[in-house]
């Protein structure tokens, strides 16, 4: 249950620190006093989105704290799953909104994300506002009501898990079929490109080797002339460099004994002669390798032209890129050729998932129909308590054409408030006051015995008055035996039934409107009810009537 609510710098609230008790609590106040602001602040600490526009003081941050008593709640799995520290039966939720618009959320002083905060708060408190009464007309909301009344939720959980698997299989099959169809369109063209590349029998380093050899073939005659001339100069008998250098070396060796520096340089002269001889041998080798071969030259030119053309065509740099492209095309062709086998496997997987879903959805429908009947009877019993003895309610089921995330059921609540009136969709036959009573009946039957700690009812008494208001008050009072019930109301009959009465009021501080809230004592409680009865100045008659309402 909600124990404390602290609000700082939110909308018209400068600072508010309020304790709440168990049982039936009511909040009253003039229109515009700030009751909706109070709910807005509570919604914020429970995980609703926020912006800096809610700040009372635009230069300071907004801080909202809600303290709960968790006695009887089973949240150990939640705390363990999100790695949060427990604090016995006490739980503190905090939300901070900074002037820049950013916000932070905390659970027992540990930072959490908004989805985590929302998940936790959904296990603690249920806020019913006026717009939710309109949601009662929606088929999706009606289905959720039926599901909330299922004695065993595992069937719905199993269906949803299976439906996610089914969606994954269908998505994969659709993707693969699209790839197959696209591959079919591109198959002939890809086959042509592949054949064109495959025909060349490309080797990774051949382009560089051929370019170097073609360069040599293109200049064969000049290279032969240079190599031949070089050899002649090196090997000439009379003035050849080799003979001259060899003769010089002999003379130097004879004189080395007479000149120490010359003797030291002899190894260098010998090395020079050896190096020169090696170079001469290279010239001999190259001269033997260089040949003028027009056919070979033409063959290289044609192959390189083919390679250059394909490189330009495909926008790549070298043969290695062409080989990578060829292999990629080969893979695409293979995938296209093997697609049908893969698609058949996926189609079989989808078929099996559909079979499983059919079975689960049939079981879920049967369980829902049983729970719908129980829910219907419970709602009608509550409506009788609320003075709608002639009300009739039927819950109609019809199948969806395809599987949905919530199953294969479409439901419609068919309602009649008066004897003899035909059953129709609730939106067509129920007035605002009747919808409020139906929603209160629904809240009553789905929350009795629930572990949820707090139910907040925001003007659920809209369109209700007189004797019916007293019956609504009695039902709220009875519901508060199972949980903490907080009702925001304008009806004196409901306010009079409260265990604890809070009043929201507005004052002026430094020329600015400020909302406040305080707990009323027993006498103030009676006076507040009297004010609601008289709708003006409190008279002795109104006070007596209020006292009688409160006492009995």
Protein backbone atom coordinates (compact mmCIF):
# COMPACT_ATOMS: atom_id res chain seq x y z
CA UNK A 1 0.00 0.00 0.00
CA UNK A 2 1.00 3.64 -0.48
CA UNK A 3 2.39 5.03 2.79
CA UNK A 4 3.86 8.40 1.89
CA UNK A 5 3.88 10.79 -1.04
CA UNK A 6 6.36 13.66 -1.19
CA UNK A 7 6.16 16.22 -3.98
CA UNK A 8 8.56 19.07 -4.53
CA UNK A 9 8.41 21.68 -7.30
CA UNK A 10 5.70 20.02 -9.43
CA UNK A 11 3.16 22.14 -11.35
CA UNK A 12 1.23 24.15 -8.71
CA UNK A 13 2.72 22.19 -5.83
CA UNK A 14 5.71 23.86 -4.17
CA UNK A 15 6.13 21.22 -1.48
CA UNK A 16 3.84 18.47 -0.22
CA UNK A 17 4.54 15.70 2.28
CA UNK A 18 1.54 13.46 2.92
CA UNK A 19 1.02 10.19 4.83
CA UNK A 20 -1.60 7.69 3.66
CA UNK A 21 -3.39 5.01 5.69
CA UNK A 22 -4.79 1.65 4.75
CA UNK A 23 -8.51 1.20 4.21
CA UNK A 24 -10.76 3.65 2.36
CA UNK A 25 -9.25 7.09 1.71
CA UNK A 26 -11.01 9.91 -0.11
CA UNK A 27 -9.62 13.10 -1.60
CA UNK A 28 -11.95 16.04 -2.14
CA UNK A 29 -11.54 19.65 -3.15
CA UNK A 30 -12.95 22.39 -5.32
CA UNK A 31 -12.68 22.10 -9.07
CA UNK A 32 -9.24 23.35 -10.08
CA UNK A 33 -7.77 22.95 -6.62
CA UNK A 34 -5.16 20.52 -7.87
CA UNK A 35 -6.54 16.99 -7.51
CA UNK A 36 -5.53 16.11 -11.08
CA UNK A 37 -2.08 17.60 -10.40
CA UNK A 38 -1.72 15.24 -7.46
CA UNK A 39 -2.49 12.28 -9.72
CA UNK A 40 -0.09 13.60 -12.33
CA UNK A 41 2.72 13.69 -9.78
CA UNK A 42 1.89 10.17 -8.64
CA UNK A 43 1.86 8.99 -12.26
CA UNK A 44 5.28 10.52 -12.77
CA UNK A 45 6.87 8.60 -9.91
CA UNK A 46 5.22 5.45 -11.28
CA UNK A 47 6.95 5.79 -14.64
CA UNK A 48 5.06 8.20 -16.89
CA UNK A 49 7.08 10.46 -19.18
CA UNK A 50 7.99 13.95 -18.05
CA UNK A 51 9.34 17.26 -19.33
CA UNK A 52 10.54 20.49 -17.78
CA UNK A 53 7.12 22.11 -18.36
CA UNK A 54 5.85 20.59 -15.11
CA UNK A 55 8.32 22.54 -12.94
CA UNK A 56 6.86 25.05 -10.45
CA UNK A 57 10.22 26.78 -10.23
CA UNK A 58 11.87 26.54 -13.66
CA UNK A 59 15.33 26.90 -12.14
CA UNK A 60 15.04 23.99 -9.70
CA UNK A 61 14.50 20.28 -10.11
CA UNK A 62 11.30 18.40 -9.37
CA UNK A 63 11.52 15.51 -6.90
CA UNK A 64 8.66 13.09 -6.26
CA UNK A 65 8.92 10.19 -3.82
CA UNK A 66 6.40 7.46 -3.11
CA UNK A 67 6.93 5.10 -0.20
CA UNK A 68 5.12 1.75 -0.19
CA UNK A 69 4.53 -1.01 2.32
CA UNK A 70 5.16 -4.30 0.50
CA UNK A 71 3.72 -6.56 3.17
CA UNK A 72 2.01 -9.45 1.36
CA UNK A 73 3.52 -8.61 -2.05
CA UNK A 74 5.75 -11.16 -3.76
CA UNK A 75 8.40 -9.18 -5.64
CA UNK A 76 11.51 -11.23 -4.90
CA UNK A 77 11.78 -12.50 -8.49
CA UNK A 78 11.45 -8.94 -9.83
CA UNK A 79 14.19 -7.59 -7.55
CA UNK A 80 16.49 -10.49 -8.40
CA UNK A 81 15.89 -10.17 -12.15
CA UNK A 82 16.78 -6.47 -12.14
CA UNK A 83 19.56 -6.77 -9.55
CA UNK A 84 17.83 -4.45 -7.10
CA UNK A 85 18.30 -4.39 -3.32
CA UNK A 86 15.31 -5.15 -1.14
CA UNK A 87 14.61 -3.14 1.99
CA UNK A 88 12.36 -5.46 3.94
CA UNK A 89 8.70 -4.50 3.50
CA UNK A 90 9.59 -0.89 2.65
CA UNK A 91 9.96 0.36 -0.93
CA UNK A 92 10.93 3.86 -2.00
CA UNK A 93 10.36 5.08 -5.57
CA UNK A 94 11.89 8.41 -6.56
CA UNK A 95 11.69 10.44 -9.74
CA UNK A 96 13.68 13.57 -10.46
CA UNK A 97 13.06 15.98 -13.35
CA UNK A 98 15.82 18.47 -14.10
CA UNK A 99 15.27 21.98 -15.56
CA UNK A 100 16.76 20.81 -18.87
CA UNK A 101 13.96 18.24 -19.16
CA UNK A 102 15.99 15.13 -18.40
CA UNK A 103 14.70 12.82 -15.70
CA UNK A 104 16.06 10.07 -13.46
CA UNK A 105 14.29 7.23 -11.68
CA UNK A 106 15.34 5.31 -8.58
CA UNK A 107 14.15 2.22 -6.71
CA UNK A 108 15.47 2.15 -3.14
CA UNK A 109 18.09 4.71 -4.27
CA UNK A 110 19.26 2.48 -7.15
CA UNK A 111 18.98 4.10 -10.62
CA UNK A 112 16.55 2.27 -12.95
CA UNK A 113 15.07 2.78 -16.41
CA UNK A 114 11.47 3.87 -16.95
CA UNK A 115 10.38 0.43 -18.25
CA UNK A 116 11.68 -1.16 -15.03
CA UNK A 117 9.89 1.48 -12.95
CA UNK A 118 6.65 0.92 -14.85
CA UNK A 119 6.85 -2.84 -14.47
CA UNK A 120 7.38 -2.52 -10.74
CA UNK A 121 4.63 0.05 -10.20
CA UNK A 122 2.14 -2.09 -12.14
CA UNK A 123 2.51 -4.63 -9.33
CA UNK A 124 1.86 -2.03 -6.66
CA UNK A 125 -0.91 0.29 -7.71
CA UNK A 126 -3.80 0.60 -10.16
CA UNK A 127 -4.88 4.14 -11.10
CA UNK A 128 -8.34 4.32 -12.64
CA UNK A 129 -9.05 7.62 -14.34
CA UNK A 130 -12.11 8.83 -16.24
CA UNK A 131 -10.66 7.99 -19.66
CA UNK A 132 -10.35 4.35 -18.61
CA UNK A 133 -14.14 4.21 -18.33
CA UNK A 134 -14.24 4.91 -22.06
CA UNK A 135 -11.68 2.15 -22.55
CA UNK A 136 -14.33 -0.24 -21.25
CA UNK A 137 -15.90 0.08 -24.71
CA UNK A 138 -12.77 -1.20 -26.45
CA UNK A 139 -12.57 -4.86 -27.45
CA UNK A 140 -8.87 -4.95 -26.53
CA UNK A 141 -9.63 -3.73 -23.00
CA UNK A 142 -12.49 -6.19 -22.64
CA UNK A 143 -10.19 -9.04 -23.65
CA UNK A 144 -7.66 -7.93 -21.03
CA UNK A 145 -10.41 -8.00 -18.41
CA UNK A 146 -11.22 -11.59 -19.31
CA UNK A 147 -7.54 -12.53 -19.25
CA UNK A 148 -7.08 -10.88 -15.85
CA UNK A 149 -9.78 -13.26 -14.57
CA UNK A 150 -8.05 -16.39 -15.89
CA UNK A 151 -7.22 -18.60 -12.90
CA UNK A 152 -4.04 -19.79 -14.66
CA UNK A 153 -2.08 -17.30 -16.78
CA UNK A 154 0.45 -19.86 -18.09
CA UNK A 155 -1.72 -20.75 -21.10
CA UNK A 156 -1.72 -17.15 -22.33
CA UNK A 157 2.02 -16.87 -21.64
CA UNK A 158 2.69 -20.09 -23.59
CA UNK A 159 0.60 -18.87 -26.51
CA UNK A 160 2.46 -15.55 -26.67
CA UNK A 161 5.83 -17.30 -26.60
CA UNK A 162 4.71 -19.66 -29.39
CA UNK A 163 3.30 -16.76 -31.40
CA UNK A 164 6.69 -14.99 -31.21
CA UNK A 165 8.37 -18.16 -32.52
CA UNK A 166 5.77 -18.37 -35.28
CA UNK A 167 6.37 -14.73 -36.27
CA UNK A 168 10.12 -15.38 -36.41
CA UNK A 169 9.62 -18.38 -38.71
CA UNK A 170 7.21 -16.48 -40.97
CA UNK A 171 9.58 -13.52 -41.15
CA UNK A 172 12.50 -15.79 -42.09
CA UNK A 173 10.42 -17.62 -44.71
CA UNK A 174 9.24 -14.33 -46.21
CA UNK A 175 12.80 -13.01 -46.32
CA UNK A 176 14.09 -16.17 -47.97
CA UNK A 177 11.31 -16.18 -50.55
CA UNK A 178 12.04 -12.55 -51.38
CA UNK A 179 15.73 -13.39 -51.80
CA UNK A 180 14.81 -16.30 -54.02
CA UNK A 181 12.53 -14.16 -56.18
CA UNK A 182 15.19 -11.48 -56.50
CA UNK A 183 17.82 -14.10 -57.28
CA UNK A 184 15.62 -15.49 -60.03
CA UNK A 185 15.40 -12.07 -61.63
CA UNK A 186 19.19 -11.69 -61.47
CA UNK A 187 20.13 -15.30 -62.18
CA UNK A 188 20.73 -15.03 -65.94
CA UNK A 189 22.72 -11.84 -65.62
CA UNK A 190 24.79 -13.22 -62.72
CA UNK A 191 25.41 -16.41 -64.71
CA UNK A 192 26.70 -14.34 -67.64
CA UNK A 193 29.00 -12.33 -65.36
CA UNK A 194 30.27 -15.47 -63.68
CA UNK A 195 30.92 -17.26 -66.97
CA UNK A 196 32.80 -14.25 -68.28
CA UNK A 197 35.08 -14.26 -65.23
CA UNK A 198 35.37 -18.03 -65.02
CA UNK A 199 36.45 -18.28 -68.65
CA UNK A 200 39.62 -16.32 -67.93
CA UNK A 201 40.82 -18.82 -65.28
CA UNK A 202 42.31 -15.98 -63.30
CA UNK A 203 45.36 -16.40 -61.05
CA UNK A 204 46.01 -13.99 -58.14
CA UNK A 205 49.46 -12.61 -59.21
CA UNK A 206 49.34 -13.08 -62.94
CA UNK A 207 48.53 -9.48 -63.84
CA UNK A 208 51.73 -8.12 -62.32
CA UNK A 209 53.85 -10.90 -63.84
CA UNK A 210 52.37 -10.41 -67.30
CA UNK A 211 52.75 -6.63 -67.12
CA UNK A 212 56.45 -7.01 -66.27
CA UNK A 213 57.07 -9.60 -69.00
CA UNK A 214 55.13 -7.61 -71.58
CA UNK A 215 57.27 -4.59 -70.76
CA UNK A 216 60.34 -6.71 -71.46
CA UNK A 217 58.92 -8.18 -74.67
CA UNK A 218 58.02 -4.73 -75.92
CA UNK A 219 61.68 -3.63 -75.60
CA UNK A 220 63.42 -6.94 -76.41
CA UNK A 221 65.66 -5.65 -79.23
CA UNK A 222 66.95 -2.63 -77.30
CA UNK A 223 67.54 -4.74 -74.22
CA UNK A 224 69.47 -7.34 -76.26
CA UNK A 225 71.61 -4.60 -77.73
CA UNK A 226 72.35 -3.11 -74.29
CA UNK A 227 73.17 -6.49 -72.72
CA UNK A 228 75.36 -7.56 -75.66
CA UNK A 229 77.22 -4.26 -75.71
CA UNK A 230 77.73 -4.41 -71.96
CA UNK A 231 79.19 -7.89 -72.15
CA UNK A 232 81.53 -6.83 -74.96
CA UNK A 233 82.83 -3.96 -72.87
CA UNK A 234 83.36 -6.17 -69.88
CA UNK A 235 84.93 -9.12 -71.71
CA UNK A 236 87.01 -7.43 -74.45
CA UNK A 237 90.50 -9.03 -74.71
CA UNK A 238 92.51 -5.84 -74.96
CA UNK A 239 90.46 -3.12 -73.33
CA UNK A 240 87.71 -5.11 -71.61
CA UNK A 241 86.90 -3.92 -68.11
CA UNK A 242 87.29 -7.37 -66.63
CA UNK A 243 90.76 -7.97 -68.15
CA UNK A 244 91.90 -4.47 -67.32
CA UNK A 245 90.75 -4.77 -63.73
CA UNK A 246 92.28 -8.25 -63.39
CA UNK A 247 95.65 -7.00 -64.71
CA UNK A 248 95.49 -4.02 -62.39
CA UNK A 249 94.83 -6.26 -59.41
CA UNK A 250 97.93 -8.37 -60.22
CA UNK A 251 100.13 -5.27 -60.30
CA UNK A 252 98.64 -3.99 -57.04
CA UNK A 253 99.34 -7.27 -55.30
CA UNK A 254 103.02 -7.08 -56.36
CA UNK A 255 103.34 -3.62 -54.88
CA UNK A 256 101.35 -4.26 -51.70
CA UNK A 257 104.41 -5.48 -49.82
CA UNK A 258 105.89 -1.99 -50.16
CA UNK A 259 102.73 -0.01 -49.16
CA UNK A 260 100.70 -0.88 -46.07
CA UNK A 261 97.62 1.18 -47.05
CA UNK A 262 97.56 -0.47 -50.46
CA UNK A 263 97.81 -3.87 -48.80
CA UNK A 264 94.82 -2.96 -46.62
CA UNK A 265 92.73 -2.06 -49.69
CA UNK A 266 93.49 -5.26 -51.65
CA UNK A 267 90.39 -7.14 -50.30
CA UNK A 268 88.22 -4.33 -51.61
CA UNK A 269 89.80 -4.56 -55.08
CA UNK A 270 89.26 -8.32 -55.02
CA UNK A 271 85.66 -7.87 -53.92
CA UNK A 272 85.13 -5.35 -56.71
CA UNK A 273 86.39 -7.84 -59.27
CA UNK A 274 84.09 -10.59 -57.84
CA UNK A 275 81.05 -8.25 -57.82
CA UNK A 276 81.75 -7.15 -61.37
CA UNK A 277 81.98 -10.77 -62.48
CA UNK A 278 78.60 -11.48 -60.87
CA UNK A 279 77.08 -8.56 -62.73
CA UNK A 280 78.61 -9.84 -65.96
CA UNK A 281 76.97 -13.23 -65.38
CA UNK A 282 73.57 -11.49 -64.84
CA UNK A 283 73.98 -9.78 -68.21
CA UNK A 284 74.74 -13.12 -69.80
CA UNK A 285 71.59 -14.65 -68.22
CA UNK A 286 69.36 -11.76 -69.24
CA UNK A 287 70.73 -11.78 -72.74
CA UNK A 288 69.79 -15.45 -72.99
CA UNK A 289 66.29 -14.81 -71.59
CA UNK A 290 65.36 -11.79 -73.66
CA UNK A 291 63.87 -12.79 -76.93
CA UNK A 292 61.69 -11.11 -79.45
CA UNK A 293 58.43 -13.17 -79.50
CA UNK A 294 55.60 -11.30 -81.27
CA UNK A 295 53.11 -14.12 -80.70
CA UNK A 296 53.80 -14.26 -76.96
CA UNK A 297 53.64 -10.48 -76.79
CA UNK A 298 50.28 -10.47 -78.58
CA UNK A 299 48.94 -13.21 -76.31
CA UNK A 300 49.89 -11.20 -73.19
CA UNK A 301 48.42 -8.01 -74.60
CA UNK A 302 45.11 -9.69 -75.39
CA UNK A 303 44.85 -11.29 -71.93
CA UNK A 304 45.75 -8.10 -70.15
CA UNK A 305 43.24 -6.18 -72.27
CA UNK A 306 40.56 -8.68 -71.20
CA UNK A 307 41.54 -8.28 -67.54
CA UNK A 308 41.62 -4.46 -67.78
CA UNK A 309 38.20 -4.44 -69.44
CA UNK A 310 36.65 -6.53 -66.64
CA UNK A 311 38.33 -4.46 -63.94
CA UNK A 312 36.89 -1.29 -65.46
CA UNK A 313 33.51 -2.93 -65.98
CA UNK A 314 33.22 -4.00 -62.34
CA UNK A 315 35.04 -1.01 -60.86
CA UNK A 316 37.76 -3.02 -59.12
CA UNK A 317 41.51 -2.53 -58.70
CA UNK A 318 43.13 -5.83 -59.59
CA UNK A 319 42.77 -9.53 -60.38
CA UNK A 320 42.30 -10.43 -56.72
CA UNK A 321 39.15 -8.30 -56.66
CA UNK A 322 37.91 -10.00 -59.83
CA UNK A 323 38.48 -13.41 -58.26
CA UNK A 324 36.54 -12.31 -55.13
CA UNK A 325 33.70 -11.11 -57.35
CA UNK A 326 33.70 -14.38 -59.27
CA UNK A 327 33.46 -16.36 -56.02
CA UNK A 328 30.65 -14.12 -54.76
CA UNK A 329 28.69 -14.66 -57.97
CA UNK A 330 29.26 -18.38 -57.61
CA UNK A 331 27.78 -18.27 -54.09
CA UNK A 332 24.75 -16.30 -55.29
CA UNK A 333 24.15 -18.80 -58.07
CA UNK A 334 24.47 -21.68 -55.61
CA UNK A 335 22.03 -20.02 -53.21
CA UNK A 336 19.57 -19.48 -56.02
CA UNK A 337 19.85 -23.10 -57.05
CA UNK A 338 19.49 -24.37 -53.46
CA UNK A 339 16.80 -21.88 -52.38
CA UNK A 340 13.84 -24.18 -52.88
CA UNK A 341 15.19 -26.75 -50.46
CA UNK A 342 15.71 -24.10 -47.77
CA UNK A 343 12.29 -22.56 -48.42
CA UNK A 344 10.63 -25.97 -48.14
CA UNK A 345 12.34 -26.48 -44.77
CA UNK A 346 11.17 -23.09 -43.50
CA UNK A 347 7.64 -23.64 -44.80
CA UNK A 348 7.50 -26.91 -42.87
CA UNK A 349 8.67 -25.10 -39.73
CA UNK A 350 5.91 -22.50 -40.18
CA UNK A 351 3.34 -25.27 -40.66
CA UNK A 352 4.39 -26.96 -37.42
CA UNK A 353 4.23 -23.66 -35.53
CA UNK A 354 0.75 -23.06 -36.94
CA UNK A 355 -0.38 -26.47 -35.72
CA UNK A 356 0.95 -25.71 -32.25
CA UNK A 357 -0.71 -22.28 -32.29
CA UNK A 358 -4.05 -23.76 -33.37
CA UNK A 359 -3.94 -26.12 -30.42
CA UNK A 360 -2.86 -23.46 -27.92
CA UNK A 361 -5.36 -20.89 -29.22
CA UNK A 362 -8.20 -23.43 -28.98
CA UNK A 363 -7.27 -24.20 -25.39
CA UNK A 364 -6.95 -20.46 -24.66
CA UNK A 365 -10.38 -19.77 -26.18
CA UNK A 366 -11.96 -22.48 -24.05
CA UNK A 367 -10.30 -21.12 -20.91
CA UNK A 368 -11.37 -17.58 -21.78
CA UNK A 369 -14.98 -18.59 -22.30
CA UNK A 370 -15.01 -20.24 -18.91
CA UNK A 371 -13.41 -17.23 -17.21
CA UNK A 372 -15.70 -14.87 -19.16
CA UNK A 373 -18.73 -16.64 -17.74
CA UNK A 374 -17.34 -16.38 -14.22
CA UNK A 375 -16.43 -12.72 -14.80
CA UNK A 376 -19.88 -11.99 -16.21
CA UNK A 377 -21.65 -13.45 -13.20
CA UNK A 378 -19.39 -11.58 -10.79
CA UNK A 379 -19.93 -8.25 -12.61
CA UNK A 380 -23.71 -8.72 -12.67
CA UNK A 381 -23.68 -9.49 -8.94
CA UNK A 382 -21.74 -6.29 -8.30
CA UNK A 383 -24.06 -4.31 -10.55
CA UNK A 384 -27.01 -5.51 -8.50
CA UNK A 385 -25.29 -4.12 -5.42
CA UNK A 386 -24.96 -0.84 -7.29
CA UNK A 387 -28.68 -0.62 -8.01
CA UNK A 388 -28.65 -2.03 -11.54
CA UNK A 389 -30.83 -5.07 -10.83
CA UNK A 390 -32.15 -5.18 -14.39
CA UNK A 391 -28.75 -5.02 -16.05
CA UNK A 392 -27.85 -7.82 -18.43
CA UNK A 393 -24.39 -8.61 -19.73
CA UNK A 394 -23.28 -11.15 -22.28
CA UNK A 395 -19.73 -11.66 -23.52
CA UNK A 396 -19.70 -12.61 -27.18
CA UNK A 397 -16.76 -14.47 -28.75
CA UNK A 398 -15.90 -14.55 -32.45
CA UNK A 399 -12.74 -15.89 -34.13
CA UNK A 400 -10.10 -13.72 -35.75
CA UNK A 401 -9.11 -14.57 -39.30
CA UNK A 402 -5.43 -14.81 -38.40
CA UNK A 403 -3.33 -15.42 -35.34
CA UNK A 404 -2.78 -12.37 -33.14
CA UNK A 405 -0.44 -11.60 -30.29
CA UNK A 406 -3.30 -12.10 -27.82
CA UNK A 407 -4.76 -15.19 -29.47
CA UNK A 408 -7.51 -15.75 -32.04
CA UNK A 409 -10.43 -14.28 -30.10
CA UNK A 410 -12.48 -11.16 -30.69
CA UNK A 411 -14.73 -10.33 -27.75
CA UNK A 412 -17.60 -7.91 -27.32
CA UNK A 413 -19.35 -6.98 -24.09
CA UNK A 414 -23.07 -6.76 -24.94
CA UNK A 415 -24.96 -4.79 -22.34
CA UNK A 416 -28.46 -3.71 -21.45
CA UNK A 417 -29.18 -1.54 -18.43
CA UNK A 418 -32.98 -1.89 -18.51
CA UNK A 419 -35.40 -4.76 -18.70
CA UNK A 420 -36.66 -5.40 -22.21
CA UNK A 421 -33.92 -3.35 -23.89
CA UNK A 422 -31.91 -5.31 -26.47
CA UNK A 423 -28.32 -6.29 -25.78
CA UNK A 424 -25.96 -4.05 -27.69
CA UNK A 425 -22.34 -3.00 -27.59
CA UNK A 426 -21.71 -1.15 -24.36
CA UNK A 427 -20.78 2.12 -26.04
CA UNK A 428 -24.24 2.31 -27.68
CA UNK A 429 -26.43 1.67 -24.65
CA UNK A 430 -24.60 2.72 -21.46
CA UNK A 431 -24.73 6.29 -20.15
CA UNK A 432 -21.78 7.93 -18.44
CA UNK A 433 -23.10 7.04 -14.99
CA UNK A 434 -23.84 3.48 -16.03
CA UNK A 435 -20.36 3.06 -17.51
CA UNK A 436 -18.87 4.34 -14.26
CA UNK A 437 -20.83 1.79 -12.26
CA UNK A 438 -19.92 -1.01 -14.67
CA UNK A 439 -16.25 -0.05 -14.37
CA UNK A 440 -16.49 0.05 -10.58
CA UNK A 441 -18.09 -3.40 -10.65
CA UNK A 442 -15.26 -4.61 -12.90
CA UNK A 443 -12.62 -3.14 -10.58
CA UNK A 444 -14.31 -4.74 -7.65
CA UNK A 445 -14.41 -8.26 -9.05
CA UNK A 446 -10.92 -8.30 -10.55
CA UNK A 447 -9.23 -6.86 -7.46
CA UNK A 448 -10.91 -8.83 -4.69
CA UNK A 449 -8.31 -11.22 -3.36
CA UNK A 450 -5.62 -9.54 -5.47
CA UNK A 451 -2.16 -8.95 -4.05
CA UNK A 452 -2.15 -5.47 -5.59
CA UNK A 453 -1.74 -3.04 -2.71
CA UNK A 454 -3.51 0.13 -3.85
CA UNK A 455 -6.44 1.07 -6.08
CA UNK A 456 -6.90 4.76 -6.95
CA UNK A 457 -10.27 5.76 -8.38
CA UNK A 458 -10.34 9.16 -10.05
CA UNK A 459 -13.95 10.41 -10.12
CA UNK A 460 -15.33 7.00 -11.06
CA UNK A 461 -18.60 8.31 -9.59
CA UNK A 462 -19.24 10.56 -12.62
CA UNK A 463 -22.97 10.66 -13.43
CA UNK A 464 -23.91 8.96 -10.14
CA UNK A 465 -26.07 10.53 -7.43
CA UNK A 466 -28.66 9.82 -4.74
CA UNK A 467 -29.16 6.29 -3.51
CA UNK A 468 -26.80 4.93 -6.15
CA UNK A 469 -24.01 7.11 -4.75
CA UNK A 470 -24.49 5.45 -1.36
CA UNK A 471 -24.26 2.02 -2.98
CA UNK A 472 -21.12 3.04 -4.85
CA UNK A 473 -19.65 4.23 -1.55
CA UNK A 474 -20.53 0.93 0.11
CA UNK A 475 -18.83 -1.04 -2.67
CA UNK A 476 -15.68 1.08 -2.40
CA UNK A 477 -15.74 0.58 1.35
CA UNK A 478 -16.09 -3.18 0.93
CA UNK A 479 -13.28 -3.25 -1.62
CA UNK A 480 -11.02 -1.45 0.87
CA UNK A 481 -11.15 -4.58 3.05
CA UNK A 482 -8.93 -6.28 0.46
CA UNK A 483 -6.65 -3.36 -0.41
CA UNK A 484 -6.03 0.31 0.10
CA UNK A 485 -8.63 2.28 -1.89
CA UNK A 486 -8.09 5.97 -2.63
CA UNK A 487 -11.05 7.74 -4.27
CA UNK A 488 -11.09 11.26 -5.69
CA UNK A 489 -14.73 12.29 -5.49
CA UNK A 490 -17.25 15.12 -5.54
CA UNK A 491 -20.01 13.06 -3.89
CA UNK A 492 -20.74 13.57 -0.18
CA UNK A 493 -22.02 9.98 0.17
CA UNK A 494 -18.64 8.61 -0.91
CA UNK A 495 -16.65 11.12 1.13
CA UNK A 496 -18.70 10.27 4.21
CA UNK A 497 -17.76 6.58 3.96
CA UNK A 498 -14.04 7.29 4.14
CA UNK A 499 -11.76 6.00 6.83
CA UNK A 500 -9.44 8.90 6.08
CA UNK A 501 -10.40 12.16 4.39
CA UNK A 502 -7.90 14.44 2.59
CA UNK A 503 -8.71 17.87 1.21
CA UNK A 504 -6.90 19.54 -1.68
CA UNK A 505 -7.04 23.34 -1.67
CA UNK A 506 -5.40 26.28 -3.39
CA UNK A 507 -3.78 29.36 -1.82
CA UNK A 508 -1.83 32.40 -3.01
CA UNK A 509 1.85 32.66 -2.11
CA UNK A 510 3.73 35.74 -3.30
CA UNK A 511 1.06 36.31 -5.91
CA UNK A 512 1.23 32.76 -7.28
CA UNK A 513 -1.42 30.04 -6.98
CA UNK A 514 -0.17 27.06 -4.96
CA UNK A 515 -1.92 23.72 -4.39
CA UNK A 516 -1.79 22.04 -1.00
CA UNK A 517 -3.32 19.00 0.65
CA UNK A 518 -3.99 18.09 4.25
CA UNK A 519 -5.57 15.35 6.27
CA UNK A 520 -8.85 16.29 7.97
CA UNK A 521 -9.67 15.46 11.57
CA UNK A 522 -13.03 13.96 12.53
CA UNK A 523 -14.81 17.31 12.87
CA UNK A 524 -13.29 18.71 9.68
CA UNK A 525 -14.35 15.51 7.93
CA UNK A 526 -17.98 16.11 8.92
CA UNK A 527 -17.76 19.81 7.98
CA UNK A 528 -16.30 18.96 4.57
CA UNK A 529 -19.12 16.47 3.87
CA UNK A 530 -21.63 19.12 5.01
CA UNK A 531 -20.10 21.60 2.58
CA UNK A 532 -20.48 19.09 -0.23
CA UNK A 533 -24.13 18.48 0.76
CA UNK A 534 -25.08 22.16 0.96
CA UNK A 535 -23.04 23.19 -2.06
CA UNK A 536 -22.46 26.51 -0.32
CA UNK A 537 -22.31 27.90 3.24
CA UNK A 538 -22.54 25.12 5.81
CA UNK A 539 -25.88 25.15 7.64
CA UNK A 540 -26.82 23.33 10.88
CA UNK A 541 -29.11 21.12 8.80
CA UNK A 542 -26.24 20.21 6.48
CA UNK A 543 -23.98 19.49 9.46
CA UNK A 544 -26.56 17.16 10.97
CA UNK A 545 -27.09 15.40 7.66
CA UNK A 546 -23.34 15.03 7.22
CA UNK A 547 -22.97 13.62 10.73
CA UNK A 548 -25.67 11.06 10.03
CA UNK A 549 -23.98 10.11 6.75
CA UNK A 550 -20.62 9.67 8.44
CA UNK A 551 -22.00 7.70 11.35
CA UNK A 552 -24.13 5.46 9.42
